[in-house]
Amino acid sequence: MRNEILAAIEKNSRIDLKELAVILGKEEIEIINEITSMEKEGIICGYHTLINWEKTSLEKVTALIEVRVTPQRGQGFDKIAERIYKYPEVNAVYLISGGYDLLLTIEGKSLKEISSFVSYKLSTLEYVLSTATHFILKKYKDHGTILSNEHEDFREVIIP
């Protein structure tokens, strides 16, 4: 039952629990208790809203930052990742495979603000060897949701 609940609320965290109970063929109180239990166990860590910021008046820049670090003896990448994720600009930190060790997503008001963060805060941290910054220019799909379903037709109309 847990996996079914998780799959349903991952797609729609606002789903009515009574409706979810009907879908899963369970009592509403069972669903409530299971969700409460998963929250206490840290399986469910939070509830978020996906916003298409391009359709708002707020100016916001998002970047993916690849970071190469020297792992610390006995702690690996955990301690440096913790130092990095404590910065308020940092939305996410992932340990990744490949040429870099960590992947961050950060947000700022401008390209300059993000560049300053990378130059003056991130790059100067002990154990950070190098970084590569990739600015997100447009989001087409995020968390499984298509953000732009406006399909412009650029074909020229030909009338016989």
N, C-alpha and C. Protein backbone atom coordinates (compact mmCIF):
# COMPACT_ATOMS: atom_id res chain seq x y z
N MET A 1 0.82 -1.20 0.00
CA MET A 1 0.00 0.00 0.00
C MET A 1 0.87 1.26 0.00
N ARG A 2 2.01 1.21 0.71
CA ARG A 2 2.87 2.40 0.79
C ARG A 2 3.29 2.90 -0.59
N ASN A 3 3.74 1.99 -1.44
CA ASN A 3 4.22 2.40 -2.76
C ASN A 3 3.10 3.04 -3.59
N GLU A 4 1.90 2.51 -3.46
CA GLU A 4 0.78 3.08 -4.20
C GLU A 4 0.44 4.49 -3.70
N ILE A 5 0.49 4.67 -2.38
CA ILE A 5 0.24 6.00 -1.81
C ILE A 5 1.32 6.97 -2.28
N LEU A 6 2.57 6.54 -2.19
CA LEU A 6 3.68 7.41 -2.59
C LEU A 6 3.57 7.80 -4.06
N ALA A 7 3.25 6.84 -4.92
CA ALA A 7 3.12 7.14 -6.36
C ALA A 7 2.00 8.15 -6.60
N ALA A 8 0.89 8.00 -5.88
CA ALA A 8 -0.25 8.91 -6.06
C ALA A 8 0.06 10.32 -5.57
N ILE A 9 0.66 10.44 -4.39
CA ILE A 9 0.90 11.79 -3.86
C ILE A 9 2.11 12.45 -4.51
N GLU A 10 3.00 11.65 -5.11
CA GLU A 10 4.11 12.26 -5.85
C GLU A 10 3.59 12.98 -7.09
N LYS A 11 2.57 12.40 -7.74
CA LYS A 11 1.97 13.04 -8.91
C LYS A 11 1.07 14.20 -8.52
N ASN A 12 0.37 14.08 -7.39
CA ASN A 12 -0.56 15.12 -6.96
C ASN A 12 -0.62 15.13 -5.44
N SER A 13 0.18 15.99 -4.82
CA SER A 13 0.22 16.02 -3.36
C SER A 13 -1.06 16.61 -2.76
N ARG A 14 -1.89 17.17 -3.60
CA ARG A 14 -3.15 17.75 -3.12
C ARG A 14 -4.33 16.80 -3.31
N ILE A 15 -4.06 15.56 -3.66
CA ILE A 15 -5.15 14.61 -3.86
C ILE A 15 -5.97 14.47 -2.57
N ASP A 16 -7.25 14.46 -2.71
CA ASP A 16 -8.14 14.28 -1.56
C ASP A 16 -7.93 12.87 -1.01
N LEU A 17 -7.69 12.77 0.29
CA LEU A 17 -7.39 11.47 0.89
C LEU A 17 -8.58 10.52 0.84
N LYS A 18 -9.76 11.06 0.84
CA LYS A 18 -10.96 10.23 0.70
C LYS A 18 -10.97 9.61 -0.70
N GLU A 19 -10.62 10.41 -1.71
CA GLU A 19 -10.55 9.92 -3.09
C GLU A 19 -9.44 8.89 -3.23
N LEU A 20 -8.29 9.15 -2.60
CA LEU A 20 -7.18 8.20 -2.65
C LEU A 20 -7.57 6.87 -2.02
N ALA A 21 -8.30 6.93 -0.93
CA ALA A 21 -8.75 5.70 -0.27
C ALA A 21 -9.65 4.88 -1.19
N VAL A 22 -10.54 5.56 -1.90
CA VAL A 22 -11.43 4.86 -2.85
C VAL A 22 -10.61 4.23 -3.97
N ILE A 23 -9.65 4.98 -4.51
CA ILE A 23 -8.82 4.48 -5.60
C ILE A 23 -8.06 3.22 -5.17
N LEU A 24 -7.54 3.24 -3.93
CA LEU A 24 -6.74 2.12 -3.44
C LEU A 24 -7.57 1.04 -2.76
N GLY A 25 -8.87 1.27 -2.63
CA GLY A 25 -9.73 0.29 -1.99
C GLY A 25 -9.45 0.13 -0.50
N LYS A 26 -9.11 1.22 0.17
CA LYS A 26 -8.80 1.21 1.60
C LYS A 26 -9.69 2.20 2.33
N GLU A 27 -9.67 2.15 3.64
CA GLU A 27 -10.38 3.13 4.45
C GLU A 27 -9.55 4.41 4.52
N GLU A 28 -10.21 5.56 4.60
CA GLU A 28 -9.51 6.84 4.66
C GLU A 28 -8.56 6.90 5.85
N ILE A 29 -8.98 6.38 7.00
CA ILE A 29 -8.14 6.41 8.19
C ILE A 29 -6.86 5.61 8.00
N GLU A 30 -6.92 4.52 7.21
CA GLU A 30 -5.71 3.74 6.90
C GLU A 30 -4.72 4.59 6.11
N ILE A 31 -5.24 5.33 5.15
CA ILE A 31 -4.40 6.20 4.31
C ILE A 31 -3.77 7.30 5.17
N ILE A 32 -4.57 7.93 6.01
CA ILE A 32 -4.07 9.00 6.88
C ILE A 32 -2.99 8.47 7.80
N ASN A 33 -3.22 7.32 8.42
CA ASN A 33 -2.24 6.74 9.33
C ASN A 33 -0.94 6.37 8.61
N GLU A 34 -1.07 5.84 7.41
CA GLU A 34 0.12 5.44 6.65
C GLU A 34 0.94 6.67 6.24
N ILE A 35 0.27 7.71 5.80
CA ILE A 35 0.97 8.95 5.43
C ILE A 35 1.66 9.56 6.65
N THR A 36 0.96 9.61 7.77
CA THR A 36 1.54 10.14 9.01
C THR A 36 2.77 9.34 9.41
N SER A 37 2.67 8.04 9.31
CA SER A 37 3.80 7.16 9.63
C SER A 37 4.99 7.42 8.70
N MET A 38 4.73 7.57 7.40
CA MET A 38 5.82 7.82 6.45
C MET A 38 6.44 9.20 6.66
N GLU A 39 5.65 10.17 7.11
CA GLU A 39 6.21 11.49 7.43
C GLU A 39 7.15 11.38 8.64
N LYS A 40 6.73 10.65 9.66
CA LYS A 40 7.55 10.47 10.87
C LYS A 40 8.84 9.72 10.57
N GLU A 41 8.77 8.76 9.64
CA GLU A 41 9.95 7.95 9.28
C GLU A 41 10.88 8.68 8.32
N GLY A 42 10.47 9.83 7.83
CA GLY A 42 11.30 10.58 6.89
C GLY A 42 11.23 10.07 5.46
N ILE A 43 10.25 9.23 5.17
CA ILE A 43 10.04 8.76 3.79
C ILE A 43 9.41 9.90 2.99
N ILE A 44 8.40 10.53 3.55
CA ILE A 44 7.81 11.73 2.96
C ILE A 44 8.50 12.89 3.64
N CYS A 45 9.24 13.67 2.85
CA CYS A 45 10.09 14.73 3.41
C CYS A 45 9.49 16.13 3.28
N GLY A 46 8.49 16.28 2.45
CA GLY A 46 7.88 17.59 2.27
C GLY A 46 6.91 17.56 1.11
N TYR A 47 6.18 18.64 0.96
CA TYR A 47 5.21 18.80 -0.11
C TYR A 47 5.54 20.10 -0.84
N HIS A 48 5.63 20.05 -2.16
CA HIS A 48 6.05 21.21 -2.92
C HIS A 48 5.10 21.49 -4.07
N THR A 49 5.10 22.73 -4.49
CA THR A 49 4.29 23.16 -5.62
C THR A 49 5.22 23.45 -6.79
N LEU A 50 4.90 22.94 -7.96
CA LEU A 50 5.68 23.19 -9.17
C LEU A 50 5.11 24.44 -9.83
N ILE A 51 5.97 25.45 -10.00
CA ILE A 51 5.54 26.73 -10.56
C ILE A 51 6.31 27.01 -11.84
N ASN A 52 5.62 27.44 -12.86
CA ASN A 52 6.27 27.87 -14.09
C ASN A 52 6.57 29.36 -13.93
N TRP A 53 7.78 29.67 -13.45
CA TRP A 53 8.16 31.05 -13.14
C TRP A 53 8.22 31.94 -14.37
N GLU A 54 8.34 31.36 -15.55
CA GLU A 54 8.37 32.16 -16.78
C GLU A 54 7.05 32.88 -17.01
N LYS A 55 5.98 32.38 -16.41
CA LYS A 55 4.66 32.98 -16.60
C LYS A 55 4.32 33.98 -15.49
N THR A 56 5.31 34.32 -14.68
CA THR A 56 5.10 35.30 -13.62
C THR A 56 5.96 36.53 -13.90
N SER A 57 5.79 37.56 -13.09
CA SER A 57 6.58 38.78 -13.27
C SER A 57 7.90 38.72 -12.50
N LEU A 58 8.12 37.67 -11.73
CA LEU A 58 9.34 37.56 -10.93
C LEU A 58 10.52 37.16 -11.81
N GLU A 59 11.59 37.92 -11.71
CA GLU A 59 12.82 37.59 -12.44
C GLU A 59 13.61 36.59 -11.61
N LYS A 60 13.89 35.45 -12.19
CA LYS A 60 14.57 34.39 -11.47
C LYS A 60 15.45 33.64 -12.44
N VAL A 61 16.68 33.34 -12.03
CA VAL A 61 17.62 32.58 -12.84
C VAL A 61 17.98 31.31 -12.09
N THR A 62 17.96 30.19 -12.80
CA THR A 62 18.33 28.91 -12.22
C THR A 62 19.55 28.37 -12.94
N ALA A 63 20.45 27.77 -12.18
CA ALA A 63 21.66 27.21 -12.78
C ALA A 63 21.94 25.83 -12.19
N LEU A 64 22.56 25.01 -13.02
CA LEU A 64 23.10 23.72 -12.58
C LEU A 64 24.60 23.91 -12.46
N ILE A 65 25.15 23.57 -11.32
CA ILE A 65 26.58 23.74 -11.08
C ILE A 65 27.18 22.37 -10.83
N GLU A 66 28.13 22.00 -11.67
CA GLU A 66 28.89 20.77 -11.44
C GLU A 66 30.10 21.14 -10.59
N VAL A 67 30.37 20.32 -9.58
CA VAL A 67 31.46 20.63 -8.66
C VAL A 67 32.36 19.40 -8.52
N ARG A 68 33.66 19.61 -8.70
CA ARG A 68 34.65 18.56 -8.47
C ARG A 68 35.29 18.85 -7.13
N VAL A 69 35.29 17.87 -6.23
CA VAL A 69 35.84 18.07 -4.88
C VAL A 69 36.81 16.96 -4.51
N THR A 70 37.58 17.21 -3.47
CA THR A 70 38.43 16.18 -2.89
C THR A 70 37.66 15.59 -1.71
N PRO A 71 37.33 14.30 -1.76
CA PRO A 71 36.61 13.72 -0.63
C PRO A 71 37.47 13.74 0.64
N GLN A 72 36.82 13.88 1.79
CA GLN A 72 37.54 13.93 3.05
C GLN A 72 37.69 12.52 3.62
N ARG A 73 38.84 12.27 4.21
CA ARG A 73 39.11 10.96 4.82
C ARG A 73 38.05 10.65 5.89
N GLY A 74 37.45 9.48 5.78
CA GLY A 74 36.47 9.03 6.75
C GLY A 74 35.08 9.62 6.58
N GLN A 75 34.92 10.65 5.74
CA GLN A 75 33.62 11.29 5.57
C GLN A 75 33.19 11.36 4.11
N GLY A 76 34.10 11.01 3.22
CA GLY A 76 33.78 11.04 1.79
C GLY A 76 33.33 12.42 1.35
N PHE A 77 32.18 12.46 0.69
CA PHE A 77 31.66 13.71 0.14
C PHE A 77 30.64 14.38 1.06
N ASP A 78 30.24 13.68 2.11
CA ASP A 78 29.15 14.15 2.96
C ASP A 78 29.40 15.51 3.60
N LYS A 79 30.57 15.73 4.15
CA LYS A 79 30.84 16.98 4.89
C LYS A 79 30.86 18.19 3.95
N ILE A 80 31.50 18.05 2.80
CA ILE A 80 31.53 19.17 1.85
C ILE A 80 30.14 19.41 1.27
N ALA A 81 29.38 18.34 1.02
CA ALA A 81 28.00 18.49 0.53
C ALA A 81 27.16 19.24 1.56
N GLU A 82 27.36 18.92 2.83
CA GLU A 82 26.62 19.59 3.90
C GLU A 82 26.96 21.08 3.96
N ARG A 83 28.23 21.41 3.83
CA ARG A 83 28.62 22.83 3.82
C ARG A 83 27.95 23.57 2.67
N ILE A 84 27.88 22.90 1.52
CA ILE A 84 27.30 23.54 0.34
C ILE A 84 25.79 23.69 0.47
N TYR A 85 25.08 22.64 0.93
CA TYR A 85 23.62 22.74 0.96
C TYR A 85 23.10 23.69 2.03
N LYS A 86 23.95 24.14 2.92
CA LYS A 86 23.52 25.12 3.93
C LYS A 86 23.38 26.53 3.36
N TYR A 87 23.95 26.80 2.19
CA TYR A 87 23.77 28.11 1.57
C TYR A 87 22.32 28.25 1.13
N PRO A 88 21.67 29.38 1.42
CA PRO A 88 20.26 29.55 1.05
C PRO A 88 20.02 29.56 -0.46
N GLU A 89 21.03 29.91 -1.26
CA GLU A 89 20.87 29.93 -2.71
C GLU A 89 20.75 28.52 -3.30
N VAL A 90 21.22 27.53 -2.56
CA VAL A 90 21.29 26.16 -3.06
C VAL A 90 19.96 25.45 -2.81
N ASN A 91 19.34 24.99 -3.89
CA ASN A 91 18.07 24.25 -3.79
C ASN A 91 18.27 22.76 -3.66
N ALA A 92 19.31 22.23 -4.31
CA ALA A 92 19.53 20.79 -4.29
C ALA A 92 21.01 20.49 -4.45
N VAL A 93 21.44 19.39 -3.85
CA VAL A 93 22.81 18.89 -3.99
C VAL A 93 22.72 17.39 -4.21
N TYR A 94 23.36 16.91 -5.27
CA TYR A 94 23.36 15.49 -5.61
C TYR A 94 24.79 15.00 -5.75
N LEU A 95 25.07 13.80 -5.25
CA LEU A 95 26.32 13.12 -5.53
C LEU A 95 26.11 12.40 -6.86
N ILE A 96 27.00 12.63 -7.82
CA ILE A 96 26.80 12.08 -9.16
C ILE A 96 28.03 11.31 -9.62
N SER A 97 27.85 10.53 -10.66
CA SER A 97 28.97 9.83 -11.29
C SER A 97 29.45 10.66 -12.46
N GLY A 98 30.63 10.34 -12.96
CA GLY A 98 31.16 11.06 -14.12
C GLY A 98 32.35 11.92 -13.76
N GLY A 99 32.56 12.96 -14.54
CA GLY A 99 33.73 13.81 -14.37
C GLY A 99 33.66 14.74 -13.18
N TYR A 100 32.48 14.99 -12.66
CA TYR A 100 32.29 15.83 -11.48
C TYR A 100 31.70 14.98 -10.37
N ASP A 101 31.75 15.50 -9.15
CA ASP A 101 31.29 14.74 -7.99
C ASP A 101 29.92 15.15 -7.50
N LEU A 102 29.66 16.45 -7.53
CA LEU A 102 28.39 16.98 -7.03
C LEU A 102 27.70 17.79 -8.12
N LEU A 103 26.38 17.78 -8.09
CA LEU A 103 25.57 18.61 -8.98
C LEU A 103 24.64 19.43 -8.09
N LEU A 104 24.68 20.75 -8.26
CA LEU A 104 23.84 21.65 -7.47
C LEU A 104 22.83 22.33 -8.37
N THR A 105 21.68 22.63 -7.82
CA THR A 105 20.78 23.57 -8.48
C THR A 105 20.70 24.78 -7.56
N ILE A 106 20.89 25.95 -8.15
CA ILE A 106 20.82 27.18 -7.36
C ILE A 106 19.97 28.20 -8.10
N GLU A 107 19.42 29.14 -7.33
CA GLU A 107 18.60 30.19 -7.91
C GLU A 107 19.11 31.55 -7.46
N GLY A 108 18.94 32.52 -8.32
CA GLY A 108 19.31 33.90 -8.02
C GLY A 108 18.46 34.85 -8.83
N LYS A 109 18.66 36.13 -8.59
CA LYS A 109 17.90 37.15 -9.31
C LYS A 109 18.48 37.43 -10.69
N SER A 110 19.77 37.10 -10.88
CA SER A 110 20.42 37.42 -12.15
C SER A 110 21.58 36.47 -12.40
N LEU A 111 22.07 36.48 -13.64
CA LEU A 111 23.25 35.69 -13.99
C LEU A 111 24.44 36.15 -13.14
N LYS A 112 24.53 37.45 -12.93
CA LYS A 112 25.64 38.00 -12.15
C LYS A 112 25.59 37.51 -10.71
N GLU A 113 24.41 37.45 -10.13
CA GLU A 113 24.28 36.99 -8.75
C GLU A 113 24.73 35.53 -8.61
N ILE A 114 24.34 34.70 -9.55
CA ILE A 114 24.76 33.29 -9.51
C ILE A 114 26.26 33.19 -9.75
N SER A 115 26.77 33.94 -10.70
CA SER A 115 28.21 33.93 -10.98
C SER A 115 29.01 34.37 -9.75
N SER A 116 28.50 35.36 -9.03
CA SER A 116 29.17 35.82 -7.82
C SER A 116 29.17 34.74 -6.75
N PHE A 117 28.04 34.05 -6.61
CA PHE A 117 27.96 32.95 -5.64
C PHE A 117 29.01 31.90 -5.94
N VAL A 118 29.11 31.51 -7.22
CA VAL A 118 30.07 30.48 -7.61
C VAL A 118 31.50 30.97 -7.38
N SER A 119 31.78 32.20 -7.78
CA SER A 119 33.15 32.74 -7.68
C SER A 119 33.61 32.99 -6.26
N TYR A 120 32.73 33.59 -5.45
CA TYR A 120 33.16 34.06 -4.13
C TYR A 120 32.81 33.13 -2.98
N LYS A 121 31.80 32.31 -3.14
CA LYS A 121 31.43 31.41 -2.04
C LYS A 121 31.79 29.96 -2.34
N LEU A 122 31.35 29.45 -3.48
CA LEU A 122 31.51 28.03 -3.78
C LEU A 122 32.95 27.68 -4.14
N SER A 123 33.53 28.38 -5.06
CA SER A 123 34.88 28.06 -5.55
C SER A 123 35.96 28.24 -4.49
N THR A 124 35.68 29.06 -3.50
CA THR A 124 36.69 29.32 -2.47
C THR A 124 36.64 28.33 -1.31
N LEU A 125 35.65 27.43 -1.31
CA LEU A 125 35.56 26.44 -0.24
C LEU A 125 36.73 25.47 -0.30
N GLU A 126 37.22 25.11 0.88
CA GLU A 126 38.26 24.09 0.95
C GLU A 126 37.69 22.79 0.38
N TYR A 127 38.48 22.06 -0.34
CA TYR A 127 38.15 20.78 -0.98
C TYR A 127 37.44 20.94 -2.33
N VAL A 128 37.02 22.14 -2.72
CA VAL A 128 36.43 22.36 -4.05
C VAL A 128 37.58 22.56 -5.03
N LEU A 129 37.65 21.67 -6.02
CA LEU A 129 38.73 21.73 -7.01
C LEU A 129 38.35 22.55 -8.24
N SER A 130 37.11 22.37 -8.73
CA SER A 130 36.66 23.10 -9.91
C SER A 130 35.15 23.06 -10.00
N THR A 131 34.61 23.98 -10.81
CA THR A 131 33.16 24.03 -11.03
C THR A 131 32.88 24.27 -12.50
N ALA A 132 31.68 23.91 -12.92
CA ALA A 132 31.18 24.23 -14.26
C ALA A 132 29.73 24.68 -14.09
N THR A 133 29.42 25.85 -14.60
CA THR A 133 28.10 26.44 -14.43
C THR A 133 27.31 26.34 -15.73
N HIS A 134 26.07 25.89 -15.61
CA HIS A 134 25.16 25.78 -16.74
C HIS A 134 23.87 26.51 -16.37
N PHE A 135 23.57 27.60 -17.07
CA PHE A 135 22.35 28.36 -16.79
C PHE A 135 21.18 27.72 -17.52
N ILE A 136 20.07 27.59 -16.85
CA ILE A 136 18.86 27.06 -17.46
C ILE A 136 18.18 28.21 -18.20
N LEU A 137 18.06 28.07 -19.50
CA LEU A 137 17.47 29.13 -20.32
C LEU A 137 15.96 28.98 -20.45
N LYS A 138 15.49 27.73 -20.48
CA LYS A 138 14.06 27.48 -20.57
C LYS A 138 13.79 26.07 -20.07
N LYS A 139 12.70 25.91 -19.35
CA LYS A 139 12.29 24.59 -18.88
C LYS A 139 11.12 24.12 -19.75
N TYR A 140 11.27 22.94 -20.29
CA TYR A 140 10.20 22.35 -21.09
C TYR A 140 9.37 21.37 -20.27
N LYS A 141 10.05 20.65 -19.38
CA LYS A 141 9.40 19.66 -18.55
C LYS A 141 10.14 19.62 -17.23
N ASP A 142 9.40 19.57 -16.12
CA ASP A 142 10.01 19.55 -14.80
C ASP A 142 9.18 18.65 -13.90
N HIS A 143 9.84 17.75 -13.19
CA HIS A 143 9.18 16.80 -12.30
C HIS A 143 8.04 16.06 -13.01
N GLY A 144 8.26 15.71 -14.26
CA GLY A 144 7.28 14.95 -15.02
C GLY A 144 6.15 15.77 -15.61
N THR A 145 6.17 17.08 -15.39
CA THR A 145 5.11 17.95 -15.88
C THR A 145 5.62 18.79 -17.04
N ILE A 146 4.89 18.76 -18.15
CA ILE A 146 5.22 19.60 -19.31
C ILE A 146 4.80 21.02 -18.98
N LEU A 147 5.74 21.95 -19.06
CA LEU A 147 5.48 23.33 -18.65
C LEU A 147 4.95 24.19 -19.78
N SER A 148 5.24 23.83 -21.01
CA SER A 148 4.78 24.65 -22.13
C SER A 148 4.10 23.76 -23.14
N ASN A 149 2.80 23.87 -23.24
CA ASN A 149 2.11 23.10 -24.27
C ASN A 149 1.59 24.03 -25.36
N GLU A 150 2.26 25.17 -25.47
CA GLU A 150 1.95 26.08 -26.56
C GLU A 150 2.81 25.67 -27.75
N HIS A 151 2.19 25.13 -28.76
CA HIS A 151 2.93 24.69 -29.94
C HIS A 151 2.64 25.65 -31.08
N GLU A 152 3.61 26.51 -31.35
CA GLU A 152 3.43 27.45 -32.45
C GLU A 152 3.62 26.72 -33.77
N ASP A 153 2.79 27.03 -34.73
CA ASP A 153 2.89 26.44 -36.06
C ASP A 153 3.59 27.46 -36.95
N PHE A 154 4.83 27.18 -37.32
CA PHE A 154 5.62 28.12 -38.12
C PHE A 154 5.45 27.87 -39.62
N ARG A 155 4.58 26.95 -39.99
CA ARG A 155 4.40 26.68 -41.42
C ARG A 155 3.64 27.82 -42.09
N GLU A 156 4.03 28.09 -43.29
CA GLU A 156 3.37 29.15 -44.04
C GLU A 156 2.08 28.62 -44.64
N VAL A 157 1.02 29.39 -44.54
CA VAL A 157 -0.26 29.00 -45.10
C VAL A 157 -0.24 29.24 -46.60
N ILE A 158 -0.58 28.23 -47.37
CA ILE A 158 -0.61 28.35 -48.84
C ILE A 158 -2.04 28.16 -49.29
N ILE A 159 -2.54 29.18 -49.95
CA ILE A 159 -3.91 29.13 -50.45
C ILE A 159 -3.84 28.94 -51.95
N PRO A 160 -4.50 27.87 -52.49
CA PRO A 160 -4.45 27.63 -53.95
C PRO A 160 -5.24 28.62 -54.75
